[in-house]
Amino acid sequence: PIILILITVIFTFYQSKIIDSLKTEKNNLLTEKKKYKAVQQKISRLNREYTSFKNILYQLELKKMIYKEFSKQKEDFSMYFKIAYNSIPSGIWLNSLYISRSKFKFDGFSLNPVKISEFYENLDNYFKVISFKSIERKSNKLNSFYSFRFITSGLSKEGI
């Protein structure tokens, strides 16, 4: 019986040691789990921030494309003004000028009808379609002049 009691005491002591060791390991694992949870929360936060930054980057790319398109349109219109400027010979005066992407309208006058035909030829270098809407001879107290109206369309790429 003493041996049995002694074995029981030793076994109980051994079990107590193992239980203490397991409790220590459990506490270590719980501490490590808390660290991993903190890391996991940081990763989740970083993923949300990354998604937010990707969205901001996408919006900035869209704005960049819009500004690039605006810049291109501005260039196109400056080219249209250059076409109008290069087409008008000396001796032509414009009352009005309408410029759009699809057509130009010129209302003006000249003292010399040859200048109007020269203007027409200059426009012919830049446009596929040029139509006379009106041309008429007018006079005032000082002299006679010719008023005209051209409407052009179909911008030709060769003349540019």
Protein backbone atom coordinates (compact mmCIF):
# COMPACT_ATOMS: atom_id res chain seq x y z
CA PRO A 1 0.00 0.00 0.00
CA ILE A 2 2.78 2.51 0.73
CA ILE A 3 4.24 1.88 -2.67
CA LEU A 4 0.88 2.46 -4.20
CA ILE A 5 0.48 5.73 -2.31
CA LEU A 6 3.98 6.73 -3.26
CA ILE A 7 3.32 5.94 -6.93
CA THR A 8 0.06 7.89 -6.75
CA VAL A 9 1.82 10.90 -5.21
CA ILE A 10 4.58 10.77 -7.84
CA PHE A 11 2.03 10.34 -10.62
CA THR A 12 -0.02 13.26 -9.27
CA PHE A 13 3.11 15.39 -9.04
CA TYR A 14 4.04 14.40 -12.61
CA GLN A 15 0.51 15.22 -13.84
CA SER A 16 0.61 18.54 -12.03
CA LYS A 17 3.90 19.35 -13.76
CA ILE A 18 2.43 18.45 -17.16
CA ILE A 19 -0.72 20.49 -16.44
CA ASP A 20 1.40 23.50 -15.43
CA SER A 21 3.46 23.10 -18.57
CA LEU A 22 0.30 22.92 -20.70
CA LYS A 23 -1.16 25.99 -18.96
CA THR A 24 2.03 27.91 -19.64
CA GLU A 25 1.94 26.81 -23.29
CA LYS A 26 -1.76 27.78 -23.48
CA ASN A 27 -0.98 31.26 -22.11
CA ASN A 28 1.88 31.63 -24.59
CA LEU A 29 -0.44 30.58 -27.43
CA LEU A 30 -3.14 33.02 -26.30
CA THR A 31 -0.57 35.84 -26.22
CA GLU A 32 0.60 34.87 -29.69
CA LYS A 33 -3.01 34.69 -30.88
CA LYS A 34 -3.58 38.25 -29.65
CA LYS A 35 -0.50 39.37 -31.59
CA TYR A 36 -1.79 37.66 -34.73
CA LYS A 37 -5.22 39.22 -34.26
CA ALA A 38 -3.59 42.64 -34.03
CA VAL A 39 -1.61 41.88 -37.20
CA GLN A 40 -4.78 40.61 -38.88
CA GLN A 41 -6.60 43.83 -37.95
CA LYS A 42 -3.70 45.88 -39.36
CA ILE A 43 -3.82 43.82 -42.57
CA SER A 44 -7.58 44.39 -42.84
CA ARG A 45 -7.09 48.13 -42.29
CA LEU A 46 -4.31 48.21 -44.89
CA ASN A 47 -6.54 46.33 -47.36
CA ARG A 48 -9.29 48.90 -46.84
CA GLU A 49 -6.80 51.75 -47.29
CA TYR A 50 -5.37 50.05 -50.39
CA THR A 51 -8.85 49.75 -51.87
CA SER A 52 -9.49 53.40 -51.04
CA PHE A 53 -6.20 54.45 -52.65
CA LYS A 54 -6.97 52.36 -55.73
CA ASN A 55 -10.30 54.15 -56.00
CA ILE A 56 -8.60 57.54 -55.63
CA LEU A 57 -6.00 56.54 -58.23
CA TYR A 58 -8.77 55.47 -60.61
CA GLN A 59 -10.55 58.80 -60.12
CA LEU A 60 -7.29 60.68 -60.71
CA GLU A 61 -6.68 58.69 -63.90
CA LEU A 62 -10.17 59.63 -65.09
CA LYS A 63 -9.51 63.30 -64.32
CA LYS A 64 -6.19 63.08 -66.12
CA MET A 65 -7.93 61.63 -69.18
CA ILE A 66 -10.56 64.39 -69.04
CA TYR A 67 -7.91 67.13 -68.80
CA LYS A 68 -5.96 65.51 -71.62
CA GLU A 69 -9.14 65.50 -73.74
CA PHE A 70 -9.80 69.15 -72.85
CA SER A 71 -6.26 70.01 -73.85
CA LYS A 72 -6.72 68.16 -77.14
CA GLN A 73 -9.98 69.97 -77.81
CA LYS A 74 -8.29 73.29 -77.04
CA GLU A 75 -5.55 72.39 -79.53
CA ASP A 76 -8.18 71.49 -82.11
CA PHE A 77 -9.90 74.84 -81.72
CA SER A 78 -6.64 76.75 -81.94
CA MET A 79 -6.03 74.84 -85.17
CA TYR A 80 -9.49 75.95 -86.39
CA PHE A 81 -8.62 79.59 -85.69
CA LYS A 82 -5.35 79.11 -87.54
CA ILE A 83 -7.23 77.71 -90.55
CA ALA A 84 -9.56 80.72 -90.54
CA TYR A 85 -6.63 83.12 -90.18
CA ASN A 86 -4.61 81.49 -92.97
CA SER A 87 -7.59 81.41 -95.35
CA ILE A 88 -8.57 85.08 -95.20
CA PRO A 89 -6.66 87.13 -97.79
CA SER A 90 -5.94 90.81 -97.49
CA GLY A 91 -8.94 92.78 -98.74
CA ILE A 92 -11.57 90.58 -97.05
CA TRP A 93 -13.35 91.88 -93.97
CA LEU A 94 -15.48 89.61 -91.82
CA ASN A 95 -18.66 90.74 -90.13
CA SER A 96 -19.01 87.43 -88.32
CA LEU A 97 -17.24 84.11 -88.01
CA TYR A 98 -18.78 80.94 -86.60
CA ILE A 99 -16.48 78.02 -85.82
CA SER A 100 -17.55 74.57 -84.67
CA ARG A 101 -16.13 71.09 -85.08
CA SER A 102 -18.46 70.33 -87.95
CA LYS A 103 -18.62 73.60 -89.87
CA PHE A 104 -17.44 77.18 -90.27
CA LYS A 105 -19.59 80.15 -91.32
CA PHE A 106 -18.03 83.27 -92.77
CA ASP A 107 -20.03 86.49 -93.26
CA GLY A 108 -18.10 89.37 -94.72
CA PHE A 109 -17.48 91.76 -97.56
CA SER A 110 -14.82 92.89 -100.02
CA LEU A 111 -14.35 95.77 -102.40
CA ASN A 112 -12.90 93.42 -105.00
CA PRO A 113 -14.80 90.24 -106.08
CA VAL A 114 -11.48 88.61 -107.02
CA LYS A 115 -10.57 88.58 -103.32
CA ILE A 116 -13.75 86.60 -102.59
CA SER A 117 -12.75 83.96 -105.15
CA GLU A 118 -9.22 83.90 -103.66
CA PHE A 119 -10.81 83.37 -100.24
CA TYR A 120 -12.89 80.53 -101.69
CA GLU A 121 -9.76 78.89 -103.13
CA ASN A 122 -7.96 79.21 -99.81
CA LEU A 123 -10.90 77.57 -98.03
CA ASP A 124 -10.89 74.82 -100.64
CA ASN A 125 -7.47 73.74 -99.32
CA TYR A 126 -8.98 72.98 -95.92
CA PHE A 127 -12.58 71.88 -96.52
CA LYS A 128 -14.32 69.24 -98.60
CA VAL A 129 -17.58 71.18 -98.89
CA ILE A 130 -17.87 74.96 -99.36
CA SER A 131 -21.22 76.45 -100.18
CA PHE A 132 -22.11 80.01 -101.11
CA LYS A 133 -25.16 80.95 -99.12
CA SER A 134 -25.21 84.44 -100.54
CA ILE A 135 -23.15 86.89 -102.51
CA GLU A 136 -24.46 90.26 -103.56
CA ARG A 137 -23.21 93.58 -104.72
CA LYS A 138 -24.08 96.51 -102.48
CA SER A 139 -23.14 100.14 -102.54
CA ASN A 140 -23.11 103.08 -100.21
CA LYS A 141 -22.32 106.77 -100.73
CA LEU A 142 -18.56 106.16 -100.99
CA ASN A 143 -18.16 102.95 -102.99
CA SER A 144 -19.62 99.61 -103.97
CA PHE A 145 -18.70 96.34 -102.28
CA TYR A 146 -19.61 92.67 -102.36
CA SER A 147 -21.05 90.92 -99.34
CA PHE A 148 -20.80 87.14 -99.06
CA ARG A 149 -21.62 84.21 -96.84
CA PHE A 150 -19.76 80.88 -96.99
CA ILE A 151 -20.62 77.78 -95.03
CA THR A 152 -17.96 75.08 -94.97
CA SER A 153 -17.93 71.53 -93.67
CA GLY A 154 -15.90 68.36 -93.92
CA LEU A 155 -12.53 69.50 -92.67
CA SER A 156 -9.92 68.00 -94.99
CA LYS A 157 -6.87 66.47 -93.31
CA GLU A 158 -4.62 67.15 -96.31
CA GLY A 159 -4.69 70.93 -95.91
CA ILE A 160 -3.85 70.93 -92.21
